Protein backbone atom coordinates (compact mmCIF):
# COMPACT_ATOMS: atom_id res chain seq x y z
CA MET A 1 -72.60 -143.51 99.47
CA ASP A 2 -70.32 -141.63 101.92
CA HIS A 3 -70.02 -144.74 104.10
CA ALA A 4 -70.00 -147.33 101.32
CA ARG A 5 -66.89 -149.39 100.72
CA ALA A 6 -65.32 -150.05 97.34
CA ALA A 7 -63.95 -153.35 96.03
CA ASP A 8 -60.45 -152.54 97.32
CA GLY A 9 -61.76 -152.05 100.84
CA GLY A 10 -61.36 -148.29 100.81
CA ARG A 11 -64.10 -145.68 100.97
CA ALA A 12 -66.17 -145.46 97.80
CA LEU A 13 -65.34 -142.29 95.89
CA ARG A 14 -67.59 -139.79 94.13
CA VAL A 15 -65.90 -139.15 90.79
CA ALA A 16 -66.75 -136.39 88.33
CA LEU A 17 -65.36 -137.44 84.95
CA LEU A 18 -65.12 -134.54 82.49
CA SER A 19 -64.99 -134.90 78.70
CA TYR A 20 -65.45 -131.92 76.38
CA ARG A 21 -66.70 -134.18 73.55
CA SER A 22 -67.39 -137.90 73.62
CA LYS A 23 -68.14 -139.52 70.26
CA PRO A 24 -69.56 -142.94 71.17
CA HIS A 25 -68.01 -145.20 68.53
CA CYS A 26 -64.91 -143.46 67.18
CA GLY A 27 -62.28 -141.29 68.76
CA GLY A 28 -60.54 -142.33 71.94
CA GLN A 29 -62.25 -139.86 74.29
CA GLY A 30 -65.75 -141.36 74.10
CA VAL A 31 -64.40 -144.90 74.34
CA TYR A 32 -62.22 -144.03 77.33
CA VAL A 33 -65.05 -142.29 79.19
CA ARG A 34 -67.56 -145.08 78.63
CA HIS A 35 -65.40 -148.00 79.68
CA LEU A 36 -63.51 -146.34 82.52
CA SER A 37 -66.75 -145.05 84.06
CA ARG A 38 -68.40 -148.48 83.81
CA GLU A 39 -65.51 -150.25 85.51
CA LEU A 40 -65.22 -147.61 88.24
CA VAL A 41 -68.88 -148.19 89.07
CA ALA A 42 -68.30 -151.96 89.02
CA LEU A 43 -65.58 -151.40 91.64
CA GLY A 44 -68.13 -149.69 93.90
CA HIS A 45 -67.56 -146.00 93.12
CA GLU A 46 -70.10 -143.33 92.15
CA VAL A 47 -69.36 -141.79 88.74
CA GLU A 48 -70.93 -138.80 87.04
CA VAL A 49 -69.80 -138.03 83.50
CA LEU A 50 -70.03 -134.39 82.47
CA SER A 51 -69.74 -134.09 78.69
CA GLY A 52 -70.29 -131.62 75.94
CA PRO A 53 -71.81 -132.77 72.64
CA PRO A 54 -71.56 -135.22 71.02
CA TYR A 55 -72.59 -137.05 74.16
CA PRO A 56 -71.27 -140.49 75.12
CA GLU A 57 -73.10 -143.77 75.36
CA LEU A 58 -72.78 -144.89 78.98
CA ASP A 59 -73.55 -148.12 80.78
CA PRO A 60 -76.19 -148.62 83.51
CA GLY A 61 -75.15 -147.13 86.83
CA VAL A 62 -73.17 -144.23 85.33
CA ALA A 63 -74.81 -140.80 85.56
CA LEU A 64 -74.58 -138.44 82.58
CA THR A 65 -74.83 -134.68 82.95
CA GLU A 66 -75.02 -133.02 79.56
CA VAL A 67 -73.13 -129.75 79.32
CA PRO A 68 -74.73 -128.07 76.30
CA SER A 69 -72.73 -125.87 73.96
CA LEU A 70 -73.38 -124.19 70.62
CA ASP A 71 -72.03 -127.42 69.06
CA LEU A 72 -70.40 -125.49 66.23
CA TYR A 73 -68.74 -128.52 64.64
CA ARG A 74 -71.71 -130.88 64.50
CA GLU A 75 -72.54 -132.85 61.41
CA PRO A 76 -73.78 -132.13 58.81
CA ASP A 77 -73.18 -128.38 59.29
CA PRO A 78 -69.78 -127.78 60.90
CA PHE A 79 -68.61 -124.17 61.38
CA ARG A 80 -72.23 -123.08 61.41
CA THR A 81 -73.51 -119.63 62.38
CA PRO A 82 -75.95 -119.99 65.30
CA HIS A 83 -79.23 -118.10 65.51
CA TRP A 84 -79.03 -115.19 67.94
CA ARG A 85 -81.57 -116.88 70.23
CA GLU A 86 -79.04 -119.68 70.87
CA PHE A 87 -76.72 -117.34 72.78
CA ARG A 88 -77.51 -117.68 76.47
CA SER A 89 -74.22 -117.04 78.28
CA LEU A 90 -70.82 -115.40 78.06
CA ALA A 91 -69.37 -118.84 77.31
CA ASP A 92 -71.60 -119.03 74.22
CA LEU A 93 -70.32 -115.66 73.00
CA LEU A 94 -66.73 -116.73 73.67
CA GLU A 95 -67.25 -120.03 71.86
CA PHE A 96 -68.60 -118.38 68.72
CA GLY A 97 -66.07 -115.55 68.80
CA LEU A 98 -63.12 -117.94 68.96
CA MET A 99 -64.55 -120.14 66.20
CA ALA A 100 -65.09 -117.05 64.01
CA THR A 101 -61.39 -116.21 64.35
CA ALA A 102 -60.34 -119.75 63.29
CA ALA A 103 -59.51 -120.93 66.83
CA PHE A 104 -60.84 -124.12 68.45
CA PRO A 105 -62.82 -123.07 71.53
CA GLU A 106 -64.31 -126.29 72.94
CA PRO A 107 -61.66 -127.26 75.54
CA LEU A 108 -61.83 -123.79 77.08
CA THR A 109 -65.57 -123.16 76.95
CA PHE A 110 -66.49 -126.68 78.11
CA SER A 111 -64.18 -126.37 81.11
CA LEU A 112 -65.72 -123.01 82.07
CA ARG A 113 -69.26 -124.41 81.84
CA ALA A 114 -68.35 -127.55 83.80
CA ALA A 115 -66.59 -125.48 86.48
CA ARG A 116 -69.60 -123.21 86.89
CA LEU A 117 -71.90 -126.22 87.23
CA LEU A 118 -69.75 -128.06 89.80
CA ARG A 119 -69.06 -124.94 91.88
CA SER A 120 -72.77 -124.20 92.16
CA ARG A 121 -73.60 -127.53 93.84
CA PRO A 122 -73.90 -128.00 97.60
CA THR A 123 -72.44 -131.54 97.33
CA ARG A 124 -69.04 -131.83 95.72
CA PRO A 125 -67.27 -134.83 94.19
CA ASP A 126 -64.31 -136.38 95.97
CA ILE A 127 -62.25 -135.93 92.83
CA VAL A 128 -62.63 -134.25 89.45
CA HIS A 129 -60.98 -136.21 86.63
CA ASP A 130 -60.60 -134.27 83.39
CA ASN A 131 -60.19 -136.14 80.12
CA GLN A 132 -57.87 -134.03 77.92
CA SER A 133 -59.76 -130.70 77.93
CA LEU A 134 -57.11 -128.99 80.10
CA GLY A 135 -59.14 -125.79 80.08
CA TYR A 136 -58.84 -122.84 82.42
CA GLY A 137 -62.06 -123.91 84.15
CA LEU A 138 -60.06 -126.63 85.89
CA LEU A 139 -57.98 -123.98 87.62
CA GLN A 140 -61.22 -122.33 88.82
CA LEU A 141 -62.20 -125.66 90.37
CA GLN A 142 -58.80 -125.93 92.03
CA ARG A 143 -59.17 -122.45 93.51
CA ALA A 144 -62.58 -123.49 94.81
CA GLY A 145 -60.89 -126.30 96.76
CA LEU A 146 -61.82 -129.31 94.59
CA PRO A 147 -59.20 -132.01 93.92
CA VAL A 148 -58.57 -131.91 90.15
CA VAL A 149 -56.53 -134.39 88.09
CA ALA A 150 -56.40 -135.06 84.36
CA THR A 151 -55.66 -137.65 81.71
CA ILE A 152 -53.54 -136.53 78.74
CA HIS A 153 -53.65 -139.22 76.08
CA HIS A 154 -50.92 -137.38 74.20
CA PRO A 155 -50.00 -133.71 73.84
CA ILE A 156 -51.82 -132.22 70.82
CA THR A 157 -48.59 -130.38 70.04
CA VAL A 158 -47.71 -133.50 68.04
CA ASP A 159 -50.82 -133.11 65.88
CA ARG A 160 -49.94 -129.47 65.33
CA ARG A 161 -46.44 -130.28 64.10
CA HIS A 162 -47.74 -132.77 61.53
CA ASP A 163 -50.56 -130.49 60.34
CA VAL A 164 -48.36 -127.41 60.04
CA ALA A 165 -45.75 -129.42 58.12
CA ALA A 166 -48.45 -130.56 55.67
CA ALA A 167 -49.95 -127.05 55.23
CA ARG A 168 -49.14 -125.30 51.95
CA GLY A 169 -48.86 -121.53 51.80
CA PHE A 170 -48.67 -118.84 54.46
CA ARG A 171 -52.45 -118.46 54.93
CA LYS A 172 -52.95 -122.19 55.44
CA ARG A 173 -50.05 -122.44 57.89
CA PHE A 174 -51.34 -119.41 59.82
CA SER A 175 -54.88 -120.78 60.05
CA THR A 176 -53.45 -124.12 61.24
CA TRP A 177 -51.46 -122.40 63.98
CA ARG A 178 -54.56 -120.41 64.93
CA TRP A 179 -56.68 -123.58 65.21
CA TYR A 180 -54.17 -125.00 67.68
CA SER A 181 -53.94 -121.82 69.75
CA PHE A 182 -55.63 -123.63 72.67
CA LEU A 183 -52.35 -125.49 73.25
CA ARG A 184 -50.84 -122.58 75.17
CA MET A 185 -53.72 -122.92 77.64
CA GLN A 186 -53.37 -126.70 77.84
CA GLY A 187 -49.69 -126.45 78.64
CA ARG A 188 -50.31 -123.92 81.42
CA VAL A 189 -53.10 -125.99 82.94
CA ALA A 190 -51.09 -129.21 82.72
CA ARG A 191 -48.22 -127.58 84.61
CA ALA A 192 -50.62 -126.31 87.28
CA LEU A 193 -52.32 -129.63 88.02
CA PRO A 194 -50.78 -131.76 90.77
CA ALA A 195 -51.36 -135.18 89.15
CA LEU A 196 -51.61 -136.28 85.53
CA LEU A 197 -52.30 -139.65 83.96
CA THR A 198 -51.13 -140.75 80.53
CA VAL A 199 -51.45 -143.95 78.55
CA SER A 200 -47.93 -144.88 77.42
CA THR A 201 -44.28 -144.21 78.14
CA SER A 202 -44.06 -142.57 74.71
CA SER A 203 -46.80 -140.07 75.63
CA TYR A 204 -45.11 -139.59 79.03
CA ALA A 205 -41.92 -138.44 77.31
CA ASP A 206 -43.82 -136.22 74.85
CA ILE A 207 -45.79 -134.51 77.64
CA VAL A 208 -42.63 -133.80 79.64
CA ARG A 209 -40.93 -132.40 76.53
CA ASP A 210 -43.76 -130.37 74.97
CA PHE A 211 -45.68 -129.20 78.05
CA ALA A 212 -42.65 -128.92 80.39
CA VAL A 213 -44.49 -130.93 83.04
CA ASP A 214 -42.66 -132.18 86.14
CA PRO A 215 -42.11 -135.92 85.45
CA GLY A 216 -42.93 -136.70 89.07
CA ARG A 217 -46.52 -135.59 88.49
CA LEU A 218 -47.09 -138.09 85.67
CA THR A 219 -48.33 -141.67 86.00
CA VAL A 220 -48.71 -144.19 83.14
CA VAL A 221 -51.85 -146.36 82.98
CA PRO A 222 -52.56 -147.90 79.55
CA VAL A 223 -56.11 -148.10 78.21
CA GLY A 224 -58.00 -151.31 77.59
CA VAL A 225 -60.43 -153.25 75.44
CA GLU A 226 -63.49 -155.37 76.18
CA THR A 227 -62.01 -158.79 75.53
CA ASP A 228 -65.39 -160.50 75.87
CA VAL A 229 -66.82 -158.23 73.14
CA PHE A 230 -63.85 -157.91 70.79
CA VAL A 231 -63.43 -161.61 70.07
CA PRO A 232 -62.13 -163.75 67.18
CA PRO A 233 -64.68 -164.32 64.40
CA THR A 234 -66.66 -167.50 63.89
CA ALA A 235 -67.25 -166.82 60.17
CA PRO A 236 -64.51 -166.98 57.50
CA ARG A 237 -62.58 -163.78 56.85
CA VAL A 238 -63.17 -161.94 53.57
CA PRO A 239 -60.27 -162.61 51.16
CA GLY A 240 -58.24 -159.49 50.44
CA ARG A 241 -60.04 -157.28 52.99
CA ILE A 242 -57.87 -154.73 54.81
CA VAL A 243 -59.31 -152.68 57.68
CA ALA A 244 -58.02 -149.43 59.15
CA THR A 245 -59.52 -146.97 61.63
CA THR A 246 -58.95 -143.25 61.39
CA SER A 247 -60.83 -140.75 63.57
CA ALA A 248 -59.64 -137.75 61.55
CA ASP A 249 -58.81 -136.95 57.93
CA THR A 250 -55.38 -135.55 58.81
CA PRO A 251 -51.80 -136.32 57.71
CA MET A 252 -50.92 -137.71 61.17
CA LYS A 253 -53.21 -140.71 60.70
CA GLY A 254 -51.08 -141.95 57.79
CA LEU A 255 -53.99 -142.67 55.47
CA VAL A 256 -52.15 -141.37 52.38
CA PRO A 257 -49.27 -143.90 52.64
CA LEU A 258 -51.83 -146.65 53.27
CA LEU A 259 -53.81 -145.67 50.16
CA GLU A 260 -50.58 -145.66 48.16
CA ALA A 261 -49.80 -149.13 49.53
CA VAL A 262 -53.26 -150.36 48.52
CA ALA A 263 -52.74 -148.97 45.02
CA LYS A 264 -49.51 -150.95 44.76
CA LEU A 265 -51.13 -154.12 46.09
CA ARG A 266 -53.92 -153.83 43.53
CA THR A 267 -51.43 -154.23 40.73
CA GLU A 268 -50.75 -157.74 42.06
CA ARG A 269 -54.02 -158.98 43.63
CA ASP A 270 -57.62 -158.14 44.51
CA VAL A 271 -57.79 -156.18 47.74
CA GLU A 272 -60.39 -154.00 49.40
CA LEU A 273 -59.69 -151.34 52.03
CA VAL A 274 -62.41 -150.55 54.56
CA VAL A 275 -61.73 -147.41 56.61
CA VAL A 276 -63.67 -146.79 59.81
CA GLY A 277 -64.03 -143.04 59.73
CA ARG A 278 -65.56 -140.19 57.77
CA PRO A 279 -63.43 -138.37 55.21
CA LYS A 280 -63.86 -134.66 54.55
CA GLU A 281 -65.52 -133.81 51.27
CA GLY A 282 -62.66 -132.84 48.97
CA GLY A 283 -60.21 -133.53 51.79
CA LEU A 284 -56.87 -135.29 51.90
CA ALA A 285 -58.27 -138.83 51.64
CA ALA A 286 -60.70 -138.00 48.82
CA ARG A 287 -58.01 -136.27 46.78
CA THR A 288 -55.61 -139.18 47.23
CA ILE A 289 -58.23 -141.76 46.22
CA ALA A 290 -58.98 -139.78 43.06
CA ARG A 291 -55.26 -139.38 42.28
CA LEU A 292 -54.63 -143.12 42.63
CA GLY A 293 -57.83 -144.26 40.92
CA LEU A 294 -59.02 -146.19 43.98
CA GLU A 295 -62.70 -145.20 43.87
CA GLY A 296 -63.88 -148.81 43.66
CA ALA A 297 -61.36 -150.25 46.10
CA VAL A 298 -61.84 -148.10 49.21
CA ARG A 299 -64.95 -147.91 51.37
CA PHE A 300 -65.55 -145.64 54.35
CA VAL A 301 -67.95 -146.50 57.17
CA SER A 302 -68.84 -144.23 60.09
CA GLY A 303 -71.16 -144.21 63.07
CA VAL A 304 -70.91 -147.98 63.40
CA ALA A 305 -72.07 -149.65 66.58
CA GLU A 306 -69.57 -151.62 68.64
CA SER A 307 -70.96 -154.95 67.41
CA GLU A 308 -70.52 -153.81 63.79
CA LEU A 309 -66.94 -152.77 64.51
CA VAL A 310 -66.18 -156.19 66.00
CA ALA A 311 -67.70 -157.88 62.95
CA LEU A 312 -65.66 -155.66 60.64
CA PHE A 313 -62.36 -156.43 62.39
CA GLY A 314 -63.30 -160.10 62.36
CA SER A 315 -64.00 -160.03 58.63
CA ALA A 316 -60.58 -158.66 57.70
CA GLN A 317 -57.54 -160.65 56.67
CA VAL A 318 -55.32 -157.90 58.02
CA ALA A 319 -55.72 -154.73 60.08
CA VAL A 320 -53.41 -151.75 59.61
CA VAL A 321 -52.45 -148.82 61.84
CA PRO A 322 -50.48 -146.58 59.43
CA SER A 323 -50.21 -143.56 61.75
CA LEU A 324 -47.33 -141.11 61.76
CA TYR A 325 -47.91 -140.79 65.52
CA GLU A 326 -50.00 -142.50 68.19
CA GLY A 327 -50.13 -141.83 71.91
CA PHE A 328 -51.57 -145.31 72.36
CA SER A 329 -53.96 -146.68 69.62
CA LEU A 330 -57.23 -148.26 70.68
CA PRO A 331 -57.85 -149.61 67.15
CA ALA A 332 -54.63 -151.62 67.38
CA ILE A 333 -55.65 -153.51 70.51
CA GLU A 334 -59.25 -153.86 69.30
CA ALA A 335 -58.03 -155.58 66.14
CA MET A 336 -55.60 -157.73 68.13
CA ALA A 337 -58.39 -158.78 70.51
CA CYS A 338 -60.27 -160.05 67.43
CA ALA A 339 -57.17 -162.13 66.53
CA THR A 340 -56.85 -160.10 63.33
CA PRO A 341 -53.21 -159.99 62.21
CA LEU A 342 -51.86 -156.47 62.52
CA VAL A 343 -49.46 -154.33 60.53
CA ALA A 344 -48.47 -151.16 62.41
CA THR A 345 -45.92 -148.41 62.07
CA THR A 346 -43.23 -147.77 64.65
CA ALA A 347 -44.58 -144.26 65.34
CA GLY A 348 -45.06 -142.99 68.88
CA ALA A 349 -46.34 -145.60 71.34
CA LEU A 350 -47.21 -148.26 68.75
CA PRO A 351 -44.20 -150.54 69.34
CA GLU A 352 -44.82 -150.69 73.10
CA VAL A 353 -48.56 -151.30 72.53
CA VAL A 354 -48.52 -153.91 69.76
CA GLY A 355 -45.44 -155.81 70.92
CA PRO A 356 -42.36 -157.26 69.19
CA ASP A 357 -41.98 -157.16 65.42
CA GLY A 358 -42.85 -160.50 63.84
CA LEU A 359 -44.27 -161.93 67.05
CA THR A 360 -47.53 -160.06 67.75
CA ALA A 361 -47.55 -157.69 64.75
CA LEU A 362 -45.46 -156.64 61.75
CA HIS A 363 -43.70 -153.29 62.13
CA VAL A 364 -43.02 -150.79 59.35
CA ALA A 365 -41.52 -147.32 59.30
CA PRO A 366 -44.11 -144.51 59.39
CA GLY A 367 -44.88 -142.94 56.03
CA ASP A 368 -43.30 -145.76 54.00
CA ALA A 369 -45.90 -146.93 51.47
CA GLU A 370 -43.58 -149.56 49.99
CA ALA A 371 -42.97 -151.13 53.39
CA LEU A 372 -46.69 -151.09 54.16
CA ALA A 373 -47.51 -152.84 50.89
CA SER A 374 -44.82 -155.45 51.50
CA ALA A 375 -45.95 -156.21 55.06
CA ILE A 376 -49.64 -156.40 54.14
CA GLY A 377 -48.76 -158.66 51.21
CA ARG A 378 -46.82 -160.98 53.53
CA VAL A 379 -49.84 -161.45 55.77
CA LEU A 380 -52.23 -161.95 52.84
CA ASP A 381 -49.93 -164.57 51.28
CA ASP A 382 -48.96 -166.54 54.39
CA GLU A 383 -51.85 -168.16 56.28
CA ARG A 384 -49.58 -169.60 58.97
CA LEU A 385 -48.00 -166.20 59.64
CA ALA A 386 -51.45 -164.58 59.79
CA ALA A 387 -52.76 -167.17 62.24
CA ARG A 388 -49.68 -166.89 64.45
CA LEU A 389 -49.80 -163.09 64.57
CA GLY A 390 -53.53 -163.12 65.29
CA ALA A 391 -53.29 -165.61 68.15
CA ALA A 392 -50.26 -163.91 69.73
CA GLY A 393 -51.90 -160.50 69.39
CA ARG A 394 -55.01 -161.59 71.26
CA GLU A 395 -52.93 -163.22 73.98
CA ARG A 396 -51.01 -159.96 74.47
CA VAL A 397 -54.26 -158.02 74.89
CA LEU A 398 -55.63 -160.53 77.41
CA GLU A 399 -52.46 -160.22 79.46
CA ARG A 400 -52.04 -156.43 79.39
CA PHE A 401 -55.03 -154.40 78.25
CA THR A 402 -58.31 -154.90 80.12
CA TRP A 403 -60.60 -152.10 81.31
CA ARG A 404 -60.90 -153.63 84.79
CA ALA A 405 -57.13 -153.34 85.22
CA VAL A 406 -57.28 -149.74 83.93
CA ALA A 407 -59.96 -148.85 86.49
CA GLU A 408 -58.13 -150.53 89.38
CA GLN A 409 -54.91 -148.65 88.59
CA THR A 410 -56.84 -145.40 88.18
CA VAL A 411 -58.44 -145.79 91.62
CA GLN A 412 -55.01 -146.39 93.15
CA TRP A 413 -53.89 -143.17 91.45
CA TYR A 414 -56.92 -141.27 92.85
CA ARG A 415 -56.26 -142.52 96.37
CA SER A 416 -52.55 -141.71 96.17
CA HIS A 417 -53.31 -138.14 95.10
CA LEU A 418 -55.98 -137.65 97.77
CA GLU A 419 -53.65 -138.98 100.48
CA GLU A 420 -50.86 -136.62 99.36
CA ARG A 421 -53.33 -133.74 99.32
CA ALA A 422 -54.48 -134.52 102.86
CA CYS A 423 -50.93 -134.38 104.26
């Protein structure tokens, strides 16, 4: 492979792609790792994905190295207490100790395990590309002489602000701050890395502000969608069906305003909300559904295969991204690729992703249930508007958001960093 040539005519690269957790069908990290790795291989490069559990689904030609952990947040027993025989390393003890004190240890402990593994090998990758862990192990790899770069989809400081604002009482606020204590580490590591990738100009600005990163070290490359998989439906759409995707039952995802909008819409028409995601038992979504009396109108689905997700988007009359913040939003472009008319808030990167208001999507202010209900109602009531939004949305995705383009730009970024490093 050392003498092989890539599609751009340059030397084929050995890439180690790191991801501390990689849910296959929901959550941006697993999607990003799968599709970027596949397209890098298609361009002639050698890619090894190193991931902690849950492990990703990868395409043929991409190597997977599992980096086992205690997996303390696995379903159906999150925050579990491991048996003493499970402890095999100092990283295991650190992982459990941090979890026991209400901190989130995975970015740190995964990076330490991955660094130990890569440093122990006689053959090293040409570049190590971290996907949002930003753990201290990356600095160990740097000190060992490996070229290390990272993708930051958005700084998790934004999540912390929304979750702390929603917390009630001192103990809840303190435990929320403690959970996000890994952010101090992520900021330090981000400032120490020579090259960072992010997915939108909105995230670019947030990273510079919250992590105090030198803007010259940041490059923007948006993510993509499989436009030959996420396609318009051939069957009729289900009347009144609304689809939303939420990878977490947190205030930032805007599910509460959407549920309130659905409650308002149900006073005027028959609608059904299908949410791709898993709510916490007794959590924010469940409490809101009970408060609004929506038990028969809201359905959650989780662990769906990609083909099922495509069918679900294709069955909907309207898709909604109600988030209070997004660094990019894969669900938005997935729905648009299916020619499903989209209603999205103006939070974070959403306006630059979904395009102009009224042309490729309808925009609403974040957190405004009345505006959400009005916009969804417009799409449900106006077939011509729905068809126009759907067609324009798919065209925008075809023009801007393909995984091949993402991979090509990422390789250019690798080569630029390696050339600068060689000088």
